[in-house]
Amino acid sequence: YGHYDVVPASLEDGWDTEPFEPIEKDGKMYARGVTDDKGQLFIHVKALESYLRTAGSAPVNVKMLLEGEEEVSSPNLRPFIESHLDLLAADVCVISDSSMPSIDRPSIMHSLRGMTYIEVEVDGPHDDLHSGFYGGAVHNPALALAEIISKLHNPDHSIAVPGFYDDVVPLAPDERAEVAKTDMSEEELLAATGAPSQWGEAAYTIRERVSARPTLEINGMGSGWTGPGPKTIIPQKAMAKISCRLVGNQDPHKIYDHLKSYIESITPPTVRVEVRLLTTGEPALIDFHLPEMQAAVRAYEKGWGHTPVFTRGGGSIPVVADFYNLMNMPVVMMGYGLDTDGLHGTNEHLTIEMFHRGIETAIVYLDELATMER
């Protein structure tokens, strides 16, 4: 599986070159989608082409599913899978839409977080009000929303929503050991993000927080007058978009119910609140002891030249949970990009050496699957 759609890009975003005109520079290919996910997808196309040209046939049967809606949460993919289970039936699904810590530290992702994405709207008066006439007598919806948001986390930075952690699967010791192999120091975090200090649950390492723990983030807020100059109003409404990254056995719809119930319970009677569900995605946690996973380890050792580590991804790829949960199919995520490739940002790129190493590794993986003991 791979996807050929991309997120928008333009020179106005800060790109050094035209994002949809690929250029090669300093051993890297620059273009929108070159690492997410066209370049990584093309690695498997070239691996198959190489095998067919040299051996005449592939050692295993291969089906390719190419999607053009991944970046908009794959609204039609799950229905397509559900109506084509026989057509898509296979022993394993291979996806290259992830990254590794460095060129000498390949990784196999065995977990992805799910998502519950909501919009919260708070409204009070029937229209924007003059703050000189009504300030102090009418609860400002922007202030009320800020008060609500301030109660979503506890002082220790854990999530305050009752029931939120009920179904979280604790990290097993061997899983925690694998996560530790790619841990991130505070210095590395601050250098990568520009943040003045780290934040989060102190009982967990930085890597565990960004990949193996659920989160609640405010993605955007809007209210009142934000144009140039003053406009002294009490806004009629305020809104926030909130996403929750989910792990283990967490159910996105149950999380929505918990969020809705809690937000409604902490909303003061001086305003009204509406909590809307925008989108969901199921988390996926795949046993890295499976033979298909261990075959990928051998493929990296032979094709890449280094033993990979197993990692958890902090993001979401909807098809992973769909294949794993709907079809009971192991999903092996063999990423050939780097964390620093700029996916979704400006100057996205893919290291050409990694592209060629990826082709070699993908070829070896076909051999490993063909000879794997079941």
Protein backbone atom coordinates (compact mmCIF):
# COMPACT_ATOMS: atom_id res chain seq x y z
CA TYR A 1 0.00 0.00 0.00
CA GLY A 2 1.04 3.56 -0.64
CA HIS A 3 -0.56 6.93 -1.32
CA TYR A 4 0.16 9.41 -4.08
CA ASP A 5 -1.79 12.41 -2.76
CA VAL A 6 0.07 15.16 -0.92
CA VAL A 7 -0.60 18.14 1.32
CA PRO A 8 -0.71 21.57 -0.37
CA ALA A 9 2.53 23.45 -1.01
CA SER A 10 3.61 26.71 -2.64
CA LEU A 11 6.57 29.06 -2.80
CA GLU A 12 4.64 31.42 -0.54
CA ASP A 13 4.93 28.82 2.24
CA GLY A 14 8.69 29.35 2.30
CA TRP A 15 9.97 26.75 -0.16
CA ASP A 16 13.37 27.49 -1.71
CA THR A 17 12.25 25.99 -5.05
CA GLU A 18 8.99 25.18 -6.81
CA PRO A 19 7.53 22.33 -4.70
CA PHE A 20 6.06 20.47 -7.69
CA GLU A 21 9.19 20.65 -9.85
CA PRO A 22 11.62 18.05 -8.43
CA ILE A 23 15.27 19.03 -8.19
CA GLU A 24 18.36 17.12 -7.06
CA LYS A 25 20.72 18.90 -4.69
CA ASP A 26 23.48 17.62 -2.40
CA GLY A 27 22.41 13.99 -2.72
CA LYS A 28 18.75 14.71 -2.02
CA MET A 29 15.64 15.00 -4.16
CA TYR A 30 13.44 17.98 -3.24
CA ALA A 31 9.71 18.06 -4.06
CA ARG A 32 6.35 17.89 -2.36
CA GLY A 33 5.48 14.24 -1.73
CA VAL A 34 8.95 12.88 -2.44
CA THR A 35 9.09 11.28 1.01
CA ASP A 36 5.35 11.36 1.88
CA ASP A 37 4.64 9.17 0.09
CA LYS A 38 5.44 9.05 -3.63
CA GLY A 39 9.15 8.36 -3.25
CA GLN A 40 8.72 5.62 -0.67
CA LEU A 41 5.92 4.06 -2.71
CA PHE A 42 8.11 4.15 -5.84
CA ILE A 43 10.77 2.13 -4.00
CA HIS A 44 8.49 -0.91 -4.12
CA VAL A 45 7.62 -0.30 -7.76
CA LYS A 46 11.33 -0.26 -8.64
CA ALA A 47 12.00 -3.33 -6.49
CA LEU A 48 9.34 -5.28 -8.39
CA GLU A 49 10.62 -3.97 -11.71
CA SER A 50 14.16 -5.05 -10.84
CA TYR A 51 13.00 -8.51 -9.81
CA LEU A 52 10.91 -9.02 -12.95
CA ARG A 53 13.72 -7.85 -15.23
CA THR A 54 16.36 -10.09 -13.68
CA ALA A 55 14.43 -13.17 -12.55
CA GLY A 56 11.43 -13.05 -14.87
CA SER A 57 8.91 -13.32 -12.01
CA ALA A 58 8.52 -12.30 -8.39
CA PRO A 59 9.05 -14.96 -5.67
CA VAL A 60 5.61 -14.23 -4.17
CA ASN A 61 2.30 -12.89 -5.43
CA VAL A 62 2.09 -9.11 -5.02
CA LYS A 63 -0.99 -6.87 -4.95
CA MET A 64 -0.61 -3.09 -4.94
CA LEU A 65 -3.21 -0.72 -3.49
CA LEU A 66 -2.54 2.93 -4.35
CA GLU A 67 -4.66 5.62 -2.72
CA GLY A 68 -5.25 9.29 -3.44
CA GLU A 69 -7.09 10.38 -0.26
CA GLU A 70 -4.72 9.51 2.60
CA GLU A 71 -4.01 13.14 3.47
CA VAL A 72 -7.73 13.77 4.00
CA SER A 73 -8.14 10.79 6.35
CA SER A 74 -9.05 8.21 3.67
CA PRO A 75 -12.85 8.70 3.73
CA ASN A 76 -13.49 6.05 1.06
CA LEU A 77 -10.80 3.51 1.83
CA ARG A 78 -12.51 1.57 4.61
CA PRO A 79 -15.74 1.10 2.60
CA PHE A 80 -13.62 -0.05 -0.36
CA ILE A 81 -11.80 -2.59 1.81
CA GLU A 82 -15.04 -3.85 3.35
CA SER A 83 -16.55 -4.44 -0.10
CA HIS A 84 -13.41 -6.05 -1.58
CA LEU A 85 -12.16 -8.35 1.17
CA ASP A 86 -11.56 -11.28 -1.19
CA LEU A 87 -9.77 -9.13 -3.77
CA LEU A 88 -7.43 -7.67 -1.14
CA ALA A 89 -6.83 -10.88 0.83
CA ALA A 90 -3.13 -11.47 1.50
CA ASP A 91 -0.71 -12.88 4.06
CA VAL A 92 0.90 -9.54 4.88
CA CYS A 93 0.55 -5.85 4.05
CA VAL A 94 3.71 -3.81 3.51
CA ILE A 95 3.61 -0.03 3.87
CA SER A 96 6.45 2.44 3.44
CA ASP A 97 5.06 5.74 4.73
CA SER A 98 7.22 6.35 7.77
CA SER A 99 10.73 7.35 8.75
CA MET A 100 13.79 6.18 10.65
CA PRO A 101 15.92 8.07 13.19
CA SER A 102 19.03 8.17 10.96
CA ILE A 103 20.44 6.54 7.84
CA ASP A 104 22.42 4.11 10.02
CA ARG A 105 19.48 3.33 12.33
CA PRO A 106 16.70 1.78 10.26
CA SER A 107 13.43 1.10 12.01
CA ILE A 108 10.25 -0.92 11.63
CA MET A 109 7.16 0.78 12.97
CA HIS A 110 4.83 -1.61 14.78
CA SER A 111 2.36 0.84 16.27
CA LEU A 112 0.44 3.92 15.19
CA ARG A 113 -1.80 6.14 17.22
CA GLY A 114 -5.45 6.61 16.42
CA MET A 115 -7.39 9.85 16.56
CA THR A 116 -10.52 11.53 17.80
CA TYR A 117 -10.87 15.02 16.32
CA ILE A 118 -13.54 17.36 17.68
CA GLU A 119 -14.70 20.94 17.36
CA VAL A 120 -15.95 22.79 20.42
CA GLU A 121 -18.14 25.86 19.94
CA VAL A 122 -19.16 28.11 22.82
CA ASP A 123 -21.77 30.82 22.27
CA GLY A 124 -23.42 33.32 24.56
CA PRO A 125 -25.16 36.51 23.35
CA HIS A 126 -27.19 36.58 20.13
CA ASP A 127 -24.60 38.85 18.48
CA ASP A 128 -21.28 40.59 19.14
CA LEU A 129 -21.83 43.07 21.98
CA HIS A 130 -20.30 46.45 22.86
CA SER A 131 -17.97 45.70 25.77
CA GLY A 132 -18.59 49.18 27.19
CA PHE A 133 -22.31 48.50 27.48
CA TYR A 134 -22.33 44.84 28.55
CA GLY A 135 -18.82 43.99 29.76
CA GLY A 136 -18.97 42.62 33.30
CA ALA A 137 -22.58 41.48 32.94
CA VAL A 138 -22.36 38.96 30.08
CA HIS A 139 -19.94 36.02 30.17
CA ASN A 140 -17.49 36.38 27.30
CA PRO A 141 -17.58 33.14 25.21
CA ALA A 142 -13.85 33.45 24.48
CA LEU A 143 -13.11 33.59 28.19
CA ALA A 144 -15.51 30.70 28.86
CA LEU A 145 -13.77 28.59 26.21
CA ALA A 146 -10.38 29.38 27.75
CA GLU A 147 -11.72 28.28 31.13
CA ILE A 148 -12.96 25.01 29.63
CA ILE A 149 -9.66 24.33 27.88
CA SER A 150 -7.74 25.03 31.09
CA LYS A 151 -9.54 22.09 32.72
CA LEU A 152 -8.65 19.49 30.07
CA HIS A 153 -5.28 18.70 31.66
CA ASN A 154 -4.27 18.03 35.26
CA PRO A 155 -1.37 19.85 36.94
CA ASP A 156 0.89 16.86 36.16
CA HIS A 157 -0.01 17.29 32.45
CA SER A 158 -2.08 14.10 32.29
CA ILE A 159 -5.49 14.36 30.63
CA ALA A 160 -8.29 15.23 33.06
CA VAL A 161 -11.18 13.72 31.07
CA PRO A 162 -12.76 10.90 33.13
CA GLY A 163 -12.46 7.52 31.42
CA PHE A 164 -9.84 8.72 28.94
CA TYR A 165 -7.18 6.22 30.04
CA ASP A 166 -9.50 3.28 30.78
CA ASP A 167 -8.48 1.14 27.78
CA VAL A 168 -4.83 2.17 27.45
CA VAL A 169 -2.55 -0.86 27.11
CA PRO A 170 0.52 -0.41 29.35
CA LEU A 171 3.94 -0.69 27.76
CA ALA A 172 5.42 -4.16 28.22
CA PRO A 173 9.07 -4.27 29.40
CA ASP A 174 10.38 -5.47 26.01
CA GLU A 175 8.38 -2.75 24.23
CA ARG A 176 9.73 -0.10 26.57
CA ALA A 177 13.25 -1.39 25.89
CA GLU A 178 12.69 -1.01 22.13
CA VAL A 179 11.37 2.53 22.55
CA ALA A 180 14.42 3.39 24.65
CA LYS A 181 16.72 2.54 21.72
CA THR A 182 15.50 5.64 19.89
CA ASP A 183 14.86 7.92 22.85
CA MET A 184 15.20 11.66 22.41
CA SER A 185 17.07 13.89 24.83
CA GLU A 186 15.66 17.21 25.97
CA GLU A 187 18.40 18.98 24.03
CA GLU A 188 17.42 17.15 20.83
CA LEU A 189 13.75 17.96 21.39
CA LEU A 190 14.42 21.65 21.92
CA ALA A 191 16.77 21.83 18.94
CA ALA A 192 14.19 20.16 16.69
CA THR A 193 11.20 22.22 17.84
CA GLY A 194 12.52 25.55 19.08
CA ALA A 195 10.44 25.18 22.24
CA PRO A 196 11.95 26.80 25.37
CA SER A 197 11.46 23.68 27.53
CA GLN A 198 9.96 20.20 27.41
CA TRP A 199 6.44 19.48 28.68
CA GLY A 200 4.39 16.39 29.45
CA GLU A 201 3.96 13.40 31.73
CA ALA A 202 7.11 13.17 33.85
CA ALA A 203 6.75 9.41 34.38
CA TYR A 204 7.42 8.79 30.69
CA THR A 205 10.38 9.52 28.45
CA ILE A 206 10.07 12.01 25.62
CA ARG A 207 9.92 9.24 23.00
CA GLU A 208 7.24 7.40 24.99
CA ARG A 209 5.17 10.58 25.27
CA VAL A 210 5.23 11.28 21.53
CA SER A 211 4.57 7.71 20.40
CA ALA A 212 3.22 5.40 23.10
CA ARG A 213 0.99 7.67 25.19
CA PRO A 214 -2.36 9.25 24.30
CA THR A 215 -2.48 13.02 23.99
CA LEU A 216 -4.95 15.90 23.80
CA GLU A 217 -3.89 18.93 21.78
CA ILE A 218 -5.53 22.24 20.90
CA ASN A 219 -5.06 22.56 17.14
CA GLY A 220 -6.64 25.96 16.69
CA MET A 221 -8.84 28.60 18.31
CA GLY A 222 -10.95 31.42 16.95
CA SER A 223 -13.07 34.19 18.39
CA GLY A 224 -13.84 37.88 18.21
CA TRP A 225 -11.88 40.58 16.47
CA THR A 226 -8.35 39.70 15.28
CA GLY A 227 -7.95 42.28 12.51
CA PRO A 228 -5.83 45.45 12.65
CA GLY A 229 -6.68 48.09 15.20
CA PRO A 230 -9.10 47.92 18.14
CA LYS A 231 -12.67 46.68 18.17
CA THR A 232 -13.97 46.49 21.72
CA ILE A 233 -16.52 43.69 21.60
CA ILE A 234 -17.75 40.73 23.53
CA PRO A 235 -17.75 38.08 20.77
CA GLN A 236 -20.92 36.14 20.13
CA LYS A 237 -19.04 32.82 20.04
CA ALA A 238 -15.67 31.11 20.31
CA MET A 239 -14.44 27.82 18.90
CA ALA A 240 -11.55 25.41 19.25
CA LYS A 241 -10.43 22.38 17.28
CA ILE A 242 -9.06 19.59 19.47
CA SER A 243 -7.35 16.36 18.48
CA CYS A 244 -6.65 13.35 20.67
CA ARG A 245 -4.00 10.83 19.63
CA LEU A 246 -4.98 7.38 20.89
CA VAL A 247 -3.02 4.21 21.69
CA GLY A 248 -3.57 0.52 22.32
CA ASN A 249 -7.18 -0.51 22.65
CA GLN A 250 -8.67 2.98 22.90
CA ASP A 251 -11.91 3.36 20.94
CA PRO A 252 -12.16 6.73 19.11
CA HIS A 253 -15.93 6.90 19.55
CA LYS A 254 -15.76 6.11 23.26
CA ILE A 255 -13.18 8.86 23.63
CA TYR A 256 -15.55 11.26 21.86
CA ASP A 257 -18.31 10.32 24.29
CA HIS A 258 -15.97 10.94 27.25
CA LEU A 259 -14.87 14.30 25.82
CA LYS A 260 -18.41 15.45 25.06
CA SER A 261 -19.72 14.46 28.48
CA TYR A 262 -16.85 16.09 30.34
CA ILE A 263 -16.83 19.33 28.36
CA GLU A 264 -20.58 19.71 28.79
CA SER A 265 -20.21 19.08 32.53
CA ILE A 266 -17.59 21.82 33.02
CA THR A 267 -19.31 24.42 30.83
CA PRO A 268 -20.81 27.18 33.00
CA PRO A 269 -24.55 27.92 32.67
CA THR A 270 -23.73 31.43 31.43
CA VAL A 271 -22.88 30.09 27.94
CA ARG A 272 -23.93 27.26 25.62
CA VAL A 273 -21.59 24.61 24.23
CA GLU A 274 -21.70 22.23 21.27
CA VAL A 275 -19.15 19.44 20.83
CA ARG A 276 -18.96 18.07 17.28
CA LEU A 277 -17.08 14.99 16.09
CA LEU A 278 -15.07 15.77 12.94
CA THR A 279 -13.12 12.58 12.27
CA THR A 280 -11.80 9.42 13.89
CA GLY A 281 -9.12 6.83 13.29
CA GLU A 282 -8.39 3.60 15.12
CA PRO A 283 -4.98 2.93 16.69
CA ALA A 284 -2.95 -0.09 15.60
CA LEU A 285 -0.57 -2.13 17.75
CA ILE A 286 1.11 -5.05 15.97
CA ASP A 287 3.19 -7.76 17.69
CA PHE A 288 6.78 -7.35 16.53
CA HIS A 289 7.50 -11.01 17.28
CA LEU A 290 5.40 -12.09 14.27
CA PRO A 291 7.37 -13.97 11.56
CA GLU A 292 6.49 -11.31 8.97
CA MET A 293 8.09 -8.70 11.24
CA GLN A 294 11.19 -10.79 11.84
CA ALA A 295 11.52 -11.33 8.08
CA ALA A 296 11.69 -7.55 7.74
CA VAL A 297 14.50 -7.47 10.31
CA ARG A 298 16.52 -9.88 8.17
CA ALA A 299 15.74 -7.85 5.04
CA TYR A 300 17.13 -4.68 6.62
CA GLU A 301 20.21 -6.53 7.85
CA LYS A 302 20.96 -7.87 4.36
CA GLY A 303 19.68 -5.02 2.20
CA TRP A 304 20.37 -1.98 4.37
CA GLY A 305 23.38 -3.22 6.27
CA HIS A 306 22.09 -2.49 9.77
CA THR A 307 19.78 -4.23 12.25
CA PRO A 308 16.56 -2.23 12.61
CA VAL A 309 14.84 -1.23 15.83
CA PHE A 310 11.10 -1.47 16.39
CA THR A 311 9.43 1.88 16.92
CA ARG A 312 6.02 3.32 17.67
CA GLY A 313 4.71 6.07 15.43
CA GLY A 314 3.03 9.09 16.92
CA GLY A 315 0.91 9.78 13.85
CA SER A 316 -1.86 7.91 12.07
CA ILE A 317 -2.14 5.96 8.82
CA PRO A 318 -5.81 4.90 8.53
CA VAL A 319 -5.15 1.89 6.30
CA VAL A 320 -2.95 0.23 8.92
CA ALA A 321 -5.78 -0.19 11.40
CA ASP A 322 -8.20 -1.03 8.59
CA PHE A 323 -6.10 -3.92 7.28
CA TYR A 324 -5.09 -5.14 10.71
CA ASN A 325 -8.52 -4.94 12.34
CA LEU A 326 -10.78 -5.75 9.37
CA MET A 327 -8.70 -8.47 7.75
CA ASN A 328 -6.56 -9.74 10.63
CA MET A 329 -3.55 -9.11 8.40
CA PRO A 330 -0.09 -8.30 9.78
CA VAL A 331 1.03 -4.86 8.62
CA VAL A 332 4.78 -4.28 8.29
CA MET A 333 5.76 -0.62 8.13
CA MET A 334 9.19 -0.37 6.52
CA GLY A 335 9.94 3.34 6.36
CA TYR A 336 12.69 4.66 4.09
CA GLY A 337 12.56 8.33 5.02
CA LEU A 338 14.19 10.36 7.78
CA ASP A 339 12.56 12.26 10.62
CA THR A 340 14.22 15.40 9.20
CA ASP A 341 12.87 15.05 5.63
CA GLY A 342 10.39 17.91 6.09
CA LEU A 343 7.23 16.00 5.27
CA HIS A 344 4.20 18.30 5.42
CA GLY A 345 6.62 21.22 5.70
CA THR A 346 8.77 23.30 3.39
CA ASN A 347 11.63 21.86 1.31
CA GLU A 348 10.48 18.26 1.67
CA HIS A 349 13.20 15.90 0.46
CA LEU A 350 14.36 12.28 0.23
CA THR A 351 18.00 11.19 0.44
CA ILE A 352 18.88 9.43 -2.82
CA GLU A 353 21.15 6.92 -1.10
CA MET A 354 18.21 5.86 1.05
CA PHE A 355 16.07 5.46 -2.06
CA HIS A 356 18.56 2.96 -3.51
CA ARG A 357 19.07 1.16 -0.20
CA GLY A 358 15.30 0.93 0.11
CA ILE A 359 15.04 -0.81 -3.26
CA GLU A 360 17.65 -3.37 -2.19
CA THR A 361 15.88 -3.96 1.13
CA ALA A 362 12.47 -4.34 -0.55
CA ILE A 363 13.92 -6.92 -2.95
CA VAL A 364 15.41 -8.93 -0.08
CA TYR A 365 12.11 -8.76 1.82
CA LEU A 366 10.34 -10.47 -1.09
CA ASP A 367 12.90 -13.28 -0.84
CA GLU A 368 12.49 -13.50 2.93
CA LEU A 369 8.71 -13.78 2.62
CA ALA A 370 9.08 -16.53 0.02
CA THR A 371 11.31 -18.65 2.28
CA MET A 372 9.77 -17.74 5.64
CA GLU A 373 8.61 -20.54 7.92
CA ARG A 374 5.00 -20.22 9.02
